Amino acid sequence: MKKSQPFQEIELPLFRKLVIDASALAKKKSTIYGLVEFDITDTFRKIRKYRIKTKSPLSLTAYVISCIGKAVETNPQVHGFLNRKNKLVCFEDVDLCLPIEIKIDRHYFPAIHILRSVNKRSCLDIEQEIRKAKEQGADNNEYRRKWKYIRWFLSLPAFIRKLFYYYIIRNPQRFKKHMGTVAVTAIGMFGAGSGWGLGLLNHTLEVVIGGKSHKPVYLKGQLEKREFLSVTIAVDHDVVDGAPGARFARDLRELVEKGYGLNP
């Protein structure tokens, strides 16, 4: 008699439907990717000095987010949206969508947190908001209120959810309110070593902060050990051409490597 192989059936968490829906919408984007590396050797020294002077913690994620806000402000087309009249809508404020992992119903869930006007805020201010959101987690009253409606929404048939998504997407102001104008994902915090991530693009611009690595580099005739950050820049080619995307990447690199905003 043939023995059955042991296995385990696990109920799929309800919130996975959000990821499935987001994946379906992302497939409709004309996404182009840029895989780049930033030399953060000198930047890390400045971050350590900044921590000592301010007596406050500062993560690399918060610092890079502040640089993204400034680079987008300089290149507003990269977070523009096409409206129903096929006009490009570019916002003054850079509202950044950042997934923060929280625990709901015994499962971990990437809750969306919107950091408003990151182009007008210091990296320390951004750091404090991210830490507060992580510490509150599912106890955050806003997340609790949203989760109540999300559970109801996810119980609806897929075609009804799809109509709602298009209702949001086709209005830039509405999309900005609920999803921000730029998406950032930080995957480097979950493991050591270098590496890039290719995310699901539902915004015009998404930046994936990847891993860190050390490499030998010749500087002024001498071989030095330098630290590099892997960064993925993804843009919707229907909205952003290669040249504006390259200028954004250039400006972001310059800001990150020169230690933008690290003078307390």
C-alpha atoms as a PDB file:
ATOM      1  CA  MET A   1       0.000   0.000   0.000  1.00  0.00           C
ATOM      2  CA  LYS A   2       1.403   3.353  -1.064  1.00  0.00           C
ATOM      3  CA  LYS A   3       1.983   5.721   1.830  1.00  0.00           C
ATOM      4  CA  SER A   4       0.731   9.263   1.519  1.00  0.00           C
ATOM      5  CA  GLN A   5       3.340  11.990   1.733  1.00  0.00           C
ATOM      6  CA  PRO A   6       3.086  14.250   4.798  1.00  0.00           C
ATOM      7  CA  PHE A   7       1.992  17.789   4.054  1.00  0.00           C
ATOM      8  CA  GLN A   8       0.302  20.702   5.719  1.00  0.00           C
ATOM      9  CA  GLU A   9      -2.542  22.870   4.480  1.00  0.00           C
ATOM     10  CA  ILE A  10      -2.367  26.487   5.596  1.00  0.00           C
ATOM     11  CA  GLU A  11      -5.231  28.861   5.088  1.00  0.00           C
ATOM     12  CA  LEU A  12      -4.254  31.760   2.853  1.00  0.00           C
ATOM     13  CA  PRO A  13      -4.501  35.021   4.829  1.00  0.00           C
ATOM     14  CA  LEU A  14      -7.244  37.282   3.545  1.00  0.00           C
ATOM     15  CA  PHE A  15      -4.889  40.204   2.977  1.00  0.00           C
ATOM     16  CA  ARG A  16      -2.962  38.203   0.329  1.00  0.00           C
ATOM     17  CA  LYS A  17      -5.743  39.218  -2.050  1.00  0.00           C
ATOM     18  CA  LEU A  18      -4.357  42.750  -1.909  1.00  0.00           C
ATOM     19  CA  VAL A  19      -0.997  41.487  -3.165  1.00  0.00           C
ATOM     20  CA  ILE A  20      -2.668  39.436  -5.902  1.00  0.00           C
ATOM     21  CA  ASP A  21      -4.677  42.466  -7.003  1.00  0.00           C
ATOM     22  CA  ALA A  22      -1.582  44.693  -6.953  1.00  0.00           C
ATOM     23  CA  SER A  23       0.325  42.152  -9.072  1.00  0.00           C
ATOM     24  CA  ALA A  24      -2.436  42.126 -11.689  1.00  0.00           C
ATOM     25  CA  LEU A  25      -2.439  45.932 -11.892  1.00  0.00           C
ATOM     26  CA  ALA A  26       1.360  46.117 -12.090  1.00  0.00           C
ATOM     27  CA  LYS A  27       1.393  43.907 -15.195  1.00  0.00           C
ATOM     28  CA  LYS A  28      -0.348  46.713 -17.087  1.00  0.00           C
ATOM     29  CA  LYS A  29       2.559  49.119 -16.475  1.00  0.00           C
ATOM     30  CA  SER A  30       5.314  49.666 -19.060  1.00  0.00           C
ATOM     31  CA  THR A  31       8.083  49.315 -16.493  1.00  0.00           C
ATOM     32  CA  ILE A  32      11.768  50.001 -17.104  1.00  0.00           C
ATOM     33  CA  TYR A  33      14.376  49.241 -14.441  1.00  0.00           C
ATOM     34  CA  GLY A  34      17.717  50.712 -13.554  1.00  0.00           C
ATOM     35  CA  LEU A  35      20.080  48.740 -11.292  1.00  0.00           C
ATOM     36  CA  VAL A  36      22.628  51.096  -9.736  1.00  0.00           C
ATOM     37  CA  GLU A  37      25.158  51.197  -6.909  1.00  0.00           C
ATOM     38  CA  PHE A  38      25.868  54.142  -4.612  1.00  0.00           C
ATOM     39  CA  ASP A  39      29.169  54.559  -2.768  1.00  0.00           C
ATOM     40  CA  ILE A  40      28.018  55.161   0.816  1.00  0.00           C
ATOM     41  CA  THR A  41      31.416  54.878   2.547  1.00  0.00           C
ATOM     42  CA  ASP A  42      31.697  58.584   3.363  1.00  0.00           C
ATOM     43  CA  THR A  43      27.940  58.860   3.915  1.00  0.00           C
ATOM     44  CA  PHE A  44      28.044  56.241   6.682  1.00  0.00           C
ATOM     45  CA  ARG A  45      30.760  58.210   8.455  1.00  0.00           C
ATOM     46  CA  LYS A  46      28.552  61.292   8.311  1.00  0.00           C
ATOM     47  CA  ILE A  47      25.547  59.317   9.567  1.00  0.00           C
ATOM     48  CA  ARG A  48      27.545  58.108  12.593  1.00  0.00           C
ATOM     49  CA  LYS A  49      28.631  61.682  13.360  1.00  0.00           C
ATOM     50  CA  TYR A  50      25.029  62.822  12.920  1.00  0.00           C
ATOM     51  CA  ARG A  51      23.838  60.231  15.455  1.00  0.00           C
ATOM     52  CA  ILE A  52      26.426  61.416  17.988  1.00  0.00           C
ATOM     53  CA  LYS A  53      25.630  65.114  17.519  1.00  0.00           C
ATOM     54  CA  THR A  54      21.841  64.699  17.635  1.00  0.00           C
ATOM     55  CA  LYS A  55      21.917  61.808  20.147  1.00  0.00           C
ATOM     56  CA  SER A  56      19.219  60.207  17.998  1.00  0.00           C
ATOM     57  CA  PRO A  57      19.120  57.014  15.924  1.00  0.00           C
ATOM     58  CA  LEU A  58      19.056  57.406  12.159  1.00  0.00           C
ATOM     59  CA  SER A  59      18.543  54.500   9.766  1.00  0.00           C
ATOM     60  CA  LEU A  60      19.917  54.304   6.256  1.00  0.00           C
ATOM     61  CA  THR A  61      16.343  53.866   4.999  1.00  0.00           C
ATOM     62  CA  ALA A  62      15.177  57.182   6.468  1.00  0.00           C
ATOM     63  CA  TYR A  63      18.249  58.948   5.122  1.00  0.00           C
ATOM     64  CA  VAL A  64      17.789  57.596   1.570  1.00  0.00           C
ATOM     65  CA  ILE A  65      14.076  58.504   1.697  1.00  0.00           C
ATOM     66  CA  SER A  66      14.981  62.123   2.442  1.00  0.00           C
ATOM     67  CA  CYS A  67      17.315  62.094  -0.570  1.00  0.00           C
ATOM     68  CA  ILE A  68      14.589  60.573  -2.763  1.00  0.00           C
ATOM     69  CA  GLY A  69      12.213  63.359  -1.753  1.00  0.00           C
ATOM     70  CA  LYS A  70      14.717  66.033  -2.797  1.00  0.00           C
ATOM     71  CA  ALA A  71      15.620  64.284  -6.080  1.00  0.00           C
ATOM     72  CA  VAL A  72      11.944  63.941  -7.011  1.00  0.00           C
ATOM     73  CA  GLU A  73      11.349  67.599  -6.157  1.00  0.00           C
ATOM     74  CA  THR A  74      14.088  68.489  -8.666  1.00  0.00           C
ATOM     75  CA  ASN A  75      12.653  66.092 -11.279  1.00  0.00           C
ATOM     76  CA  PRO A  76       8.855  66.263 -10.714  1.00  0.00           C
ATOM     77  CA  GLN A  77       7.957  64.372 -13.891  1.00  0.00           C
ATOM     78  CA  VAL A  78       9.121  61.099 -12.324  1.00  0.00           C
ATOM     79  CA  HIS A  79       6.185  61.162  -9.889  1.00  0.00           C
ATOM     80  CA  GLY A  80       3.637  62.537 -12.339  1.00  0.00           C
ATOM     81  CA  PHE A  81       0.341  60.846 -13.189  1.00  0.00           C
ATOM     82  CA  LEU A  82      -1.770  60.859 -16.333  1.00  0.00           C
ATOM     83  CA  ASN A  83      -5.355  61.975 -15.710  1.00  0.00           C
ATOM     84  CA  ARG A  84      -8.477  61.178 -17.737  1.00  0.00           C
ATOM     85  CA  LYS A  85      -7.723  64.041 -20.137  1.00  0.00           C
ATOM     86  CA  ASN A  86      -4.294  62.504 -20.842  1.00  0.00           C
ATOM     87  CA  LYS A  87      -2.638  65.447 -19.086  1.00  0.00           C
ATOM     88  CA  LEU A  88       0.395  64.940 -16.855  1.00  0.00           C
ATOM     89  CA  VAL A  89      -0.293  65.942 -13.247  1.00  0.00           C
ATOM     90  CA  CYS A  90       2.856  66.697 -11.217  1.00  0.00           C
ATOM     91  CA  PHE A  91       2.501  67.416  -7.504  1.00  0.00           C
ATOM     92  CA  GLU A  92       4.605  69.798  -5.429  1.00  0.00           C
ATOM     93  CA  ASP A  93       4.623  67.539  -2.375  1.00  0.00           C
ATOM     94  CA  VAL A  94       6.373  64.176  -2.547  1.00  0.00           C
ATOM     95  CA  ASP A  95       4.199  61.729  -0.569  1.00  0.00           C
ATOM     96  CA  LEU A  96       6.049  58.475  -0.124  1.00  0.00           C
ATOM     97  CA  CYS A  97       4.400  55.052   0.187  1.00  0.00           C
ATOM     98  CA  LEU A  98       6.400  52.760   2.496  1.00  0.00           C
ATOM     99  CA  PRO A  99       5.325  49.197   3.432  1.00  0.00           C
ATOM    100  CA  ILE A 100       5.728  48.546   7.169  1.00  0.00           C
ATOM    101  CA  GLU A 101       5.317  44.984   8.425  1.00  0.00           C
ATOM    102  CA  ILE A 102       2.735  44.576  11.183  1.00  0.00           C
ATOM    103  CA  LYS A 103       1.003  41.548  12.706  1.00  0.00           C
ATOM    104  CA  ILE A 104      -2.738  41.130  12.170  1.00  0.00           C
ATOM    105  CA  ASP A 105      -4.726  37.988  13.020  1.00  0.00           C
ATOM    106  CA  ARG A 106      -1.556  35.947  13.691  1.00  0.00           C
ATOM    107  CA  HIS A 107      -0.124  36.875  10.298  1.00  0.00           C
ATOM    108  CA  TYR A 108       2.416  39.485   9.271  1.00  0.00           C
ATOM    109  CA  PHE A 109       1.026  42.051   6.874  1.00  0.00           C
ATOM    110  CA  PRO A 110       2.839  44.786   4.842  1.00  0.00           C
ATOM    111  CA  ALA A 111       0.700  47.754   5.862  1.00  0.00           C
ATOM    112  CA  ILE A 112       0.979  50.862   3.715  1.00  0.00           C
ATOM    113  CA  HIS A 113       2.241  53.939   5.535  1.00  0.00           C
ATOM    114  CA  ILE A 114       2.271  57.292   3.742  1.00  0.00           C
ATOM    115  CA  LEU A 115       5.080  59.690   4.632  1.00  0.00           C
ATOM    116  CA  ARG A 116       3.766  63.096   3.601  1.00  0.00           C
ATOM    117  CA  SER A 117       5.922  65.841   2.045  1.00  0.00           C
ATOM    118  CA  VAL A 118       9.247  64.041   2.480  1.00  0.00           C
ATOM    119  CA  ASN A 119      10.882  66.649   0.221  1.00  0.00           C
ATOM    120  CA  LYS A 120      10.271  69.273   2.928  1.00  0.00           C
ATOM    121  CA  ARG A 121      11.326  67.246   5.979  1.00  0.00           C
ATOM    122  CA  SER A 122      14.605  66.318   7.646  1.00  0.00           C
ATOM    123  CA  CYS A 123      15.876  62.739   7.655  1.00  0.00           C
ATOM    124  CA  LEU A 124      15.538  62.671  11.463  1.00  0.00           C
ATOM    125  CA  ASP A 125      11.897  63.710  11.272  1.00  0.00           C
ATOM    126  CA  ILE A 126      11.268  60.923   8.750  1.00  0.00           C
ATOM    127  CA  GLU A 127      13.110  58.425  10.977  1.00  0.00           C
ATOM    128  CA  GLN A 128      10.964  59.310  13.979  1.00  0.00           C
ATOM    129  CA  GLU A 129       7.730  58.787  12.054  1.00  0.00           C
ATOM    130  CA  ILE A 130       8.861  55.413  10.687  1.00  0.00           C
ATOM    131  CA  ARG A 131       9.875  54.215  14.163  1.00  0.00           C
ATOM    132  CA  LYS A 132       6.586  55.372  15.656  1.00  0.00           C
ATOM    133  CA  ALA A 133       4.608  53.539  12.962  1.00  0.00           C
ATOM    134  CA  LYS A 134       6.599  50.331  13.551  1.00  0.00           C
ATOM    135  CA  GLU A 135       6.260  50.517  17.332  1.00  0.00           C
ATOM    136  CA  GLN A 136       2.513  51.087  17.208  1.00  0.00           C
ATOM    137  CA  GLY A 137       2.037  48.357  14.605  1.00  0.00           C
ATOM    138  CA  ALA A 138      -1.443  46.884  14.589  1.00  0.00           C
ATOM    139  CA  ASP A 139      -2.260  48.871  17.756  1.00  0.00           C
ATOM    140  CA  ASN A 140      -2.327  52.000  15.643  1.00  0.00           C
ATOM    141  CA  ASN A 141      -5.934  53.191  15.627  1.00  0.00           C
ATOM    142  CA  GLU A 142      -5.657  54.181  11.968  1.00  0.00           C
ATOM    143  CA  TYR A 143      -4.560  50.653  10.963  1.00  0.00           C
ATOM    144  CA  ARG A 144      -7.352  49.116  13.031  1.00  0.00           C
ATOM    145  CA  ARG A 145      -9.934  51.337  11.373  1.00  0.00           C
ATOM    146  CA  LYS A 146      -8.561  50.635   7.899  1.00  0.00           C
ATOM    147  CA  TRP A 147      -8.335  46.886   8.493  1.00  0.00           C
ATOM    148  CA  LYS A 148     -12.027  46.757   9.366  1.00  0.00           C
ATOM    149  CA  TYR A 149     -12.903  48.217   5.957  1.00  0.00           C
ATOM    150  CA  ILE A 150     -10.230  46.225   4.131  1.00  0.00           C
ATOM    151  CA  ARG A 151     -11.662  42.932   5.401  1.00  0.00           C
ATOM    152  CA  TRP A 152     -15.068  43.918   4.061  1.00  0.00           C
ATOM    153  CA  PHE A 153     -13.559  45.094   0.762  1.00  0.00           C
ATOM    154  CA  LEU A 154     -11.602  41.871   0.218  1.00  0.00           C
ATOM    155  CA  SER A 155     -14.772  39.818   0.659  1.00  0.00           C
ATOM    156  CA  LEU A 156     -16.157  41.424  -2.519  1.00  0.00           C
ATOM    157  CA  PRO A 157     -15.831  39.662  -5.902  1.00  0.00           C
ATOM    158  CA  ALA A 158     -12.606  40.376  -7.810  1.00  0.00           C
ATOM    159  CA  PHE A 159     -14.313  42.284 -10.641  1.00  0.00           C
ATOM    160  CA  ILE A 160     -15.864  44.740  -8.146  1.00  0.00           C
ATOM    161  CA  ARG A 161     -12.470  45.300  -6.471  1.00  0.00           C
ATOM    162  CA  LYS A 162     -10.990  45.910  -9.925  1.00  0.00           C
ATOM    163  CA  LEU A 163     -13.557  48.651 -10.637  1.00  0.00           C
ATOM    164  CA  PHE A 164     -12.667  50.317  -7.338  1.00  0.00           C
ATOM    165  CA  TYR A 165      -8.940  50.249  -8.157  1.00  0.00           C
ATOM    166  CA  TYR A 166      -9.567  51.960 -11.500  1.00  0.00           C
ATOM    167  CA  TYR A 167     -11.697  54.526  -9.697  1.00  0.00           C
ATOM    168  CA  ILE A 168      -8.626  55.367  -7.604  1.00  0.00           C
ATOM    169  CA  ILE A 169      -6.009  55.103 -10.353  1.00  0.00           C
ATOM    170  CA  ARG A 170      -7.747  57.348 -12.884  1.00  0.00           C
ATOM    171  CA  ASN A 171      -7.771  60.298 -10.491  1.00  0.00           C
ATOM    172  CA  PRO A 172      -4.234  61.516  -9.566  1.00  0.00           C
ATOM    173  CA  GLN A 173      -5.439  63.491  -6.531  1.00  0.00           C
ATOM    174  CA  ARG A 174      -7.320  60.490  -5.200  1.00  0.00           C
ATOM    175  CA  PHE A 175      -4.361  58.188  -5.807  1.00  0.00           C
ATOM    176  CA  LYS A 176      -2.032  60.595  -3.993  1.00  0.00           C
ATOM    177  CA  LYS A 177      -4.344  60.679  -0.978  1.00  0.00           C
ATOM    178  CA  HIS A 178      -4.539  56.908  -0.573  1.00  0.00           C
ATOM    179  CA  MET A 179      -1.230  55.661  -2.055  1.00  0.00           C
ATOM    180  CA  GLY A 180       1.157  58.620  -2.164  1.00  0.00           C
ATOM    181  CA  THR A 181       3.125  59.632  -5.260  1.00  0.00           C
ATOM    182  CA  VAL A 182       6.290  57.511  -4.920  1.00  0.00           C
ATOM    183  CA  ALA A 183       6.815  53.969  -3.623  1.00  0.00           C
ATOM    184  CA  VAL A 184       9.871  52.821  -1.670  1.00  0.00           C
ATOM    185  CA  THR A 185      10.682  49.314  -0.479  1.00  0.00           C
ATOM    186  CA  ALA A 186      13.661  48.557   1.766  1.00  0.00           C
ATOM    187  CA  ILE A 187      14.683  44.904   1.452  1.00  0.00           C
ATOM    188  CA  GLY A 188      18.245  45.290   2.714  1.00  0.00           C
ATOM    189  CA  MET A 189      17.077  45.188   6.336  1.00  0.00           C
ATOM    190  CA  PHE A 190      16.027  41.535   5.953  1.00  0.00           C
ATOM    191  CA  GLY A 191      19.425  40.130   5.055  1.00  0.00           C
ATOM    192  CA  ALA A 192      23.133  40.789   4.664  1.00  0.00           C
ATOM    193  CA  GLY A 193      25.045  41.148   1.424  1.00  0.00           C
ATOM    194  CA  SER A 194      24.467  42.929  -1.848  1.00  0.00           C
ATOM    195  CA  GLY A 195      21.455  42.461  -4.062  1.00  0.00           C
ATOM    196  CA  TRP A 196      18.770  44.261  -6.033  1.00  0.00           C
ATOM    197  CA  GLY A 197      15.022  43.816  -5.880  1.00  0.00           C
ATOM    198  CA  LEU A 198      12.513  44.146  -8.731  1.00  0.00           C
ATOM    199  CA  GLY A 199       9.240  45.331  -7.262  1.00  0.00           C
ATOM    200  CA  LEU A 200       5.693  45.496  -8.572  1.00  0.00           C
ATOM    201  CA  LEU A 201       5.266  48.960 -10.047  1.00  0.00           C
ATOM    202  CA  ASN A 202       1.916  50.561  -9.247  1.00  0.00           C
ATOM    203  CA  HIS A 203       3.308  54.097  -9.002  1.00  0.00           C
ATOM    204  CA  THR A 204       5.099  56.066 -11.710  1.00  0.00           C
ATOM    205  CA  LEU A 205       8.295  55.735  -9.661  1.00  0.00           C
ATOM    206  CA  GLU A 206       9.436  53.047  -7.256  1.00  0.00           C
ATOM    207  CA  VAL A 207      12.806  52.816  -5.525  1.00  0.00           C
ATOM    208  CA  VAL A 208      13.935  49.544  -3.961  1.00  0.00           C
ATOM    209  CA  ILE A 209      16.691  49.963  -1.367  1.00  0.00           C
ATOM    210  CA  GLY A 210      18.654  46.729  -1.560  1.00  0.00           C
ATOM    211  CA  GLY A 211      21.655  45.268   0.217  1.00  0.00           C
ATOM    212  CA  LYS A 212      25.147  46.563   0.994  1.00  0.00           C
ATOM    213  CA  SER A 213      28.506  45.167  -0.054  1.00  0.00           C
ATOM    214  CA  HIS A 214      32.218  46.002   0.103  1.00  0.00           C
ATOM    215  CA  LYS A 215      34.353  46.323  -3.021  1.00  0.00           C
ATOM    216  CA  PRO A 216      37.960  47.351  -3.760  1.00  0.00           C
ATOM    217  CA  VAL A 217      38.144  50.673  -5.638  1.00  0.00           C
ATOM    218  CA  TYR A 218      41.112  52.666  -6.958  1.00  0.00           C
ATOM    219  CA  LEU A 219      41.034  56.238  -5.621  1.00  0.00           C
ATOM    220  CA  LYS A 220      43.911  58.638  -6.234  1.00  0.00           C
ATOM    221  CA  GLY A 221      46.167  55.774  -7.262  1.00  0.00           C
ATOM    222  CA  GLN A 222      45.462  53.670  -4.162  1.00  0.00           C
ATOM    223  CA  LEU A 223      43.281  50.625  -3.641  1.00  0.00           C
ATOM    224  CA  GLU A 224      40.587  51.251  -1.005  1.00  0.00           C
ATOM    225  CA  LYS A 225      37.841  49.149   0.487  1.00  0.00           C
ATOM    226  CA  ARG A 226      34.547  50.972  -0.164  1.00  0.00           C
ATOM    227  CA  GLU A 227      30.952  50.190   0.802  1.00  0.00           C
ATOM    228  CA  PHE A 228      28.220  50.230  -1.825  1.00  0.00           C
ATOM    229  CA  LEU A 229      24.413  50.247  -1.638  1.00  0.00           C
ATOM    230  CA  SER A 230      22.395  48.384  -4.286  1.00  0.00           C
ATOM    231  CA  VAL A 231      19.427  50.450  -5.489  1.00  0.00           C
ATOM    232  CA  THR A 232      16.742  49.631  -8.049  1.00  0.00           C
ATOM    233  CA  ILE A 233      14.942  52.508  -9.766  1.00  0.00           C
ATOM    234  CA  ALA A 234      11.761  51.579 -11.647  1.00  0.00           C
ATOM    235  CA  VAL A 235       9.668  54.010 -13.686  1.00  0.00           C
ATOM    236  CA  ASP A 236       6.544  53.795 -15.820  1.00  0.00           C
ATOM    237  CA  HIS A 237       7.787  54.361 -19.376  1.00  0.00           C
ATOM    238  CA  ASP A 238       4.319  55.554 -20.422  1.00  0.00           C
ATOM    239  CA  VAL A 239       4.947  58.644 -18.276  1.00  0.00           C
ATOM    240  CA  VAL A 240       8.733  58.968 -17.913  1.00  0.00           C
ATOM    241  CA  ASP A 241      11.284  58.831 -20.732  1.00  0.00           C
ATOM    242  CA  GLY A 242      14.801  57.529 -20.292  1.00  0.00           C
ATOM    243  CA  ALA A 243      16.480  60.951 -20.030  1.00  0.00           C
ATOM    244  CA  PRO A 244      14.332  62.304 -17.123  1.00  0.00           C
ATOM    245  CA  GLY A 245      14.702  58.952 -15.376  1.00  0.00           C
ATOM    246  CA  ALA A 246      18.493  59.087 -15.806  1.00  0.00           C
ATOM    247  CA  ARG A 247      18.615  62.655 -14.458  1.00  0.00           C
ATOM    248  CA  PHE A 248      16.656  61.561 -11.399  1.00  0.00           C
ATOM    249  CA  ALA A 249      19.077  58.658 -10.839  1.00  0.00           C
ATOM    250  CA  ARG A 250      22.062  61.033 -11.233  1.00  0.00           C
ATOM    251  CA  ASP A 251      20.639  63.538  -8.743  1.00  0.00           C
ATOM    252  CA  LEU A 252      19.730  60.795  -6.268  1.00  0.00           C
ATOM    253  CA  ARG A 253      23.246  59.351  -6.435  1.00  0.00           C
ATOM    254  CA  GLU A 254      24.793  62.780  -5.819  1.00  0.00           C
ATOM    255  CA  LEU A 255      22.538  63.463  -2.816  1.00  0.00           C
ATOM    256  CA  VAL A 256      23.128  60.053  -1.222  1.00  0.00           C
ATOM    257  CA  GLU A 257      26.897  60.022  -1.732  1.00  0.00           C
ATOM    258  CA  LYS A 258      27.458  63.620  -0.572  1.00  0.00           C
ATOM    259  CA  GLY A 259      25.500  63.238   2.662  1.00  0.00           C
ATOM    260  CA  TYR A 260      22.543  65.501   1.914  1.00  0.00           C
ATOM    261  CA  GLY A 261      20.893  66.881   5.058  1.00  0.00           C
ATOM    262  CA  LEU A 262      23.420  65.420   7.506  1.00  0.00           C
ATOM    263  CA  ASN A 263      24.383  68.713   9.084  1.00  0.00           C
ATOM    264  CA  PRO A 264      22.376  68.942  12.347  1.00  0.00           C
END
